[in-house]
Protein backbone atom coordinates (compact mmCIF):
# COMPACT_ATOMS: atom_id res chain seq x y z
CA MET A 1 14.47 -0.10 -106.93
CA ASN A 2 18.08 1.00 -107.37
CA THR A 3 20.41 1.44 -104.42
CA ILE A 4 20.30 5.26 -104.36
CA ASP A 5 16.49 5.25 -104.35
CA ALA A 6 16.49 2.74 -101.50
CA LEU A 7 18.94 4.85 -99.50
CA ASN A 8 16.91 8.02 -100.03
CA SER A 9 13.54 6.43 -99.26
CA ARG A 10 14.57 4.39 -96.21
CA TYR A 11 13.44 5.89 -92.91
CA CYS A 12 12.68 4.77 -89.35
CA CYS A 13 9.10 3.52 -89.52
CA ARG A 14 7.43 4.07 -86.14
CA ALA A 15 4.01 2.63 -86.91
CA PHE A 16 3.41 -0.63 -88.77
CA LYS A 17 0.31 -2.37 -90.05
CA PRO A 18 -0.39 -5.71 -88.35
CA ASP A 19 -0.24 -7.47 -91.74
CA PRO A 20 1.96 -10.58 -91.40
CA VAL A 21 5.21 -10.94 -93.32
CA SER A 22 5.74 -14.40 -94.77
CA LYS A 23 8.66 -16.65 -93.92
CA ASP A 24 9.62 -16.67 -97.62
CA MET A 25 9.79 -12.87 -97.67
CA VAL A 26 11.92 -12.74 -94.52
CA MET A 27 14.31 -15.32 -95.96
CA ARG A 28 14.50 -13.47 -99.28
CA ILE A 29 15.49 -10.28 -97.47
CA LEU A 30 18.05 -12.03 -95.27
CA GLU A 31 19.55 -13.99 -98.16
CA ALA A 32 20.30 -10.75 -99.96
CA ALA A 33 21.41 -8.93 -96.81
CA THR A 34 23.91 -11.56 -95.73
CA ARG A 35 26.01 -10.63 -98.75
CA ALA A 36 27.17 -7.80 -96.47
CA PRO A 37 30.96 -7.59 -96.01
CA SER A 38 32.72 -8.68 -92.83
CA TRP A 39 36.29 -8.79 -91.56
CA ALA A 40 38.10 -11.62 -93.41
CA ASN A 41 34.70 -13.10 -94.23
CA THR A 42 34.13 -13.97 -90.56
CA GLN A 43 30.37 -13.39 -90.96
CA PRO A 44 30.06 -13.01 -87.16
CA TRP A 45 26.30 -12.65 -87.11
CA GLU A 46 23.67 -14.98 -85.71
CA ILE A 47 20.16 -13.91 -86.70
CA TYR A 48 16.98 -14.60 -84.72
CA VAL A 49 13.58 -13.65 -86.10
CA ALA A 50 10.39 -13.35 -84.02
CA THR A 51 6.82 -13.14 -85.25
CA GLY A 52 3.33 -14.37 -84.35
CA GLN A 53 2.67 -15.55 -80.81
CA VAL A 54 6.35 -15.53 -79.84
CA LEU A 55 6.66 -11.84 -80.69
CA GLU A 56 3.36 -11.01 -79.01
CA GLN A 57 4.47 -12.66 -75.77
CA LEU A 58 7.70 -10.70 -75.89
CA ARG A 59 5.78 -7.49 -76.56
CA GLN A 60 3.61 -8.06 -73.50
CA ALA A 61 6.69 -8.79 -71.37
CA TYR A 62 8.22 -5.49 -72.51
CA LEU A 63 5.04 -3.60 -71.61
CA LYS A 64 5.04 -5.23 -68.18
CA ASN A 65 8.60 -3.97 -67.64
CA LEU A 66 7.48 -0.49 -68.70
CA GLN A 67 4.62 -0.59 -66.22
CA GLU A 68 6.97 -1.76 -63.46
CA GLU A 69 9.58 0.86 -64.48
CA VAL A 70 12.30 -1.73 -65.06
CA ALA A 71 15.38 0.01 -66.44
CA GLY A 72 16.75 -1.21 -69.77
CA HIS A 73 20.02 -3.12 -69.69
CA PRO A 74 21.11 -3.97 -73.24
CA ASP A 75 24.05 -6.31 -73.79
CA LEU A 76 25.87 -3.56 -75.68
CA PRO A 77 26.07 -0.73 -73.11
CA ARG A 78 24.57 2.62 -74.03
CA PRO A 79 26.80 5.71 -73.88
CA GLN A 80 26.85 7.41 -70.50
CA SER A 81 26.86 10.77 -72.27
CA TRP A 82 27.05 12.28 -75.76
CA PRO A 83 29.33 15.04 -77.09
CA LEU A 84 27.41 18.30 -77.04
CA ALA A 85 26.88 18.49 -80.81
CA LEU A 86 25.42 14.96 -80.89
CA GLN A 87 23.21 15.65 -77.89
CA LYS A 88 21.90 18.79 -79.61
CA ARG A 89 20.94 16.77 -82.71
CA THR A 90 19.05 14.30 -80.53
CA GLU A 91 17.18 17.09 -78.75
CA ASP A 92 16.32 18.73 -82.08
CA LEU A 93 15.05 15.40 -83.40
CA MET A 94 12.71 14.89 -80.45
CA ALA A 95 11.46 18.47 -80.65
CA LYS A 96 10.65 18.19 -84.36
CA ARG A 97 8.92 14.82 -83.95
CA SER A 98 6.84 16.17 -81.07
CA GLN A 99 5.91 19.25 -83.08
CA LEU A 100 4.76 17.11 -86.02
CA LEU A 101 2.60 15.01 -83.71
CA GLY A 102 1.27 18.06 -81.89
CA ILE A 103 2.70 17.00 -78.53
CA ALA A 104 3.57 19.86 -76.20
CA ARG A 105 6.64 19.59 -73.96
CA GLU A 106 4.43 19.70 -70.85
CA ASP A 107 2.00 17.02 -72.15
CA SER A 108 3.42 14.12 -70.16
CA ALA A 109 0.51 11.77 -70.95
CA ARG A 110 0.98 11.98 -74.71
CA ARG A 111 4.75 11.77 -74.35
CA LYS A 112 4.27 8.56 -72.39
CA THR A 113 2.03 7.18 -75.13
CA MET A 114 4.70 8.01 -77.70
CA MET A 115 7.28 6.18 -75.60
CA GLN A 116 5.00 3.14 -75.28
CA ALA A 117 5.23 2.66 -79.04
CA ASN A 118 8.87 1.66 -78.55
CA TYR A 119 7.89 -1.04 -76.05
CA LYS A 120 5.24 -2.29 -78.49
CA PHE A 121 7.92 -2.56 -81.20
CA PHE A 122 5.94 0.04 -83.17
CA GLY A 123 3.30 -2.63 -83.86
CA ALA A 124 5.65 -4.47 -86.25
CA PRO A 125 4.66 -8.03 -87.18
CA VAL A 126 8.32 -9.13 -87.30
CA VAL A 127 11.45 -8.22 -85.35
CA ILE A 128 14.91 -9.34 -86.46
CA TYR A 129 17.57 -9.64 -83.76
CA LEU A 130 21.26 -9.56 -84.66
CA CYS A 131 23.61 -11.35 -82.27
CA MET A 132 27.29 -12.23 -82.07
CA ASP A 133 29.65 -14.20 -79.84
CA ARG A 134 30.40 -12.40 -76.56
CA GLY A 135 34.14 -12.79 -77.10
CA LEU A 136 34.19 -10.62 -80.22
CA THR A 137 35.26 -6.97 -80.33
CA PRO A 138 33.73 -3.74 -81.72
CA TRP A 139 35.20 -4.68 -85.10
CA SER A 140 32.50 -7.31 -85.36
CA VAL A 141 29.86 -4.82 -84.21
CA PHE A 142 30.91 -2.84 -87.28
CA ASP A 143 30.15 -5.92 -89.40
CA LEU A 144 26.71 -6.24 -87.81
CA GLY A 145 26.10 -2.57 -88.64
CA SER A 146 26.83 -3.36 -92.27
CA LEU A 147 24.39 -6.26 -92.09
CA SER A 148 21.75 -4.00 -90.51
CA GLN A 149 21.92 -1.51 -93.38
CA SER A 150 21.77 -4.35 -95.88
CA ILE A 151 18.63 -5.74 -94.23
CA MET A 152 16.96 -2.32 -94.30
CA LEU A 153 17.79 -1.76 -97.97
CA ALA A 154 16.72 -5.28 -98.98
CA ALA A 155 13.44 -4.75 -97.11
CA LYS A 156 12.88 -1.49 -98.98
CA ASP A 157 13.53 -3.24 -102.27
CA ASN A 158 10.79 -5.72 -101.34
CA GLY A 159 8.27 -3.01 -100.46
CA LEU A 160 8.65 -3.19 -96.68
CA ASP A 161 9.81 -0.70 -94.08
CA THR A 162 11.99 -1.02 -91.00
CA ALA A 163 12.95 0.54 -87.69
CA VAL A 164 16.33 -0.18 -86.15
CA ALA A 165 16.21 0.72 -82.46
CA VAL A 166 18.15 0.11 -79.27
CA MET A 167 14.86 -0.17 -77.34
CA LEU A 168 14.16 -3.40 -79.20
CA VAL A 169 17.08 -4.96 -77.30
CA ALA A 170 16.60 -3.15 -73.97
CA TYR A 171 15.76 -6.38 -72.14
CA PRO A 172 18.04 -9.15 -73.43
CA ASP A 173 16.94 -11.49 -70.64
CA LEU A 174 13.38 -11.44 -72.00
CA ILE A 175 14.55 -11.87 -75.59
CA ARG A 176 16.73 -14.86 -74.62
CA THR A 177 13.83 -16.52 -72.85
CA HIS A 178 11.30 -16.13 -75.65
CA LEU A 179 13.66 -16.75 -78.60
CA GLU A 180 15.89 -19.35 -76.90
CA ILE A 181 19.09 -17.41 -77.57
CA PRO A 182 22.12 -18.94 -75.81
CA ASN A 183 23.99 -16.95 -73.18
CA ASP A 184 27.24 -17.00 -75.16
CA LEU A 185 25.71 -14.61 -77.71
CA SER A 186 25.37 -10.86 -77.19
CA ILE A 187 22.11 -9.43 -78.53
CA ILE A 188 23.34 -6.34 -80.38
CA ILE A 189 20.39 -4.70 -82.14
CA GLY A 190 16.82 -5.25 -83.24
CA ILE A 191 15.17 -4.33 -86.53
CA ALA A 192 11.38 -4.07 -86.72
CA LEU A 193 10.01 -5.13 -90.12
CA GLY A 194 6.66 -4.80 -91.86
CA SER A 195 4.37 -2.57 -93.90
CA ASN A 196 4.15 1.04 -92.76
CA ASP A 197 0.85 2.44 -91.50
CA PRO A 198 0.28 5.52 -93.70
CA SER A 199 -2.50 6.77 -91.41
CA ASN A 200 0.00 7.44 -88.62
CA PRO A 201 1.38 10.99 -88.91
CA GLY A 202 4.66 9.91 -87.34
CA ASN A 203 5.52 8.07 -90.53
CA ASN A 204 5.60 11.38 -92.37
CA PHE A 205 8.60 12.52 -90.34
CA ARG A 206 12.06 12.45 -91.89
CA SER A 207 15.06 13.26 -89.74
CA PRO A 208 17.41 15.89 -91.20
CA ARG A 209 21.00 15.16 -92.25
CA ARG A 210 24.09 17.25 -91.68
CA PRO A 211 25.31 19.11 -94.79
CA LEU A 212 28.18 17.38 -96.55
CA GLN A 213 30.34 20.49 -96.14
CA GLU A 214 30.18 19.92 -92.39
CA VAL A 215 30.72 16.14 -92.49
CA VAL A 216 33.18 15.46 -95.30
CA HIS A 217 36.81 16.57 -95.05
CA LEU A 218 38.49 16.42 -98.46
CA LYS A 219 42.25 16.51 -98.89
CA GLY A 220 44.36 16.48 -102.05
CA PHE A 221 41.56 17.18 -104.53
CA PRO A 222 42.21 19.91 -107.16
């Protein structure tokens, strides 16, 4: 698969098959992905990968927090608010996903079930956690973003799908306990990995993109 095909076919998979992903496959993906660029070759990332019983225990701990209505508290704080245009895109996204799944705005039970999928890590057999030293700045977060995209494209090249989601790192205390991550590392983002479940209609959804004329500002071209 060439790079453009991988970019165009990558999407946020929200329902995975339980089929395991081998250690060799994970390492193959990460070996390719860690060619990602970083500031002065600092390579600030530390990568933790959970699967099997470890991941299942973490999944159950997340669901317990959901049941007890424990608020998320990721190491990298979430924005307190979004600019109006960004907020509108988020609202449009949720409306279109709900429409595809046939979930009415007033159907709180089905909306809760949809939310539970996040706490179940979308059923993924593997979750990759990207961490960095707490003393680093947003410049290094940028490097981890580059690594994230590289992981997703390498996974696509190997026939697997991914979901990068802030909910995967909503409870860093639980992640640290189950994955033995030291306190001097910030847990930045999680990437669910596995084979998509084609029977789930949610996997047919593709989020729209802004037109280039709106995004790109060209200067000096003839």
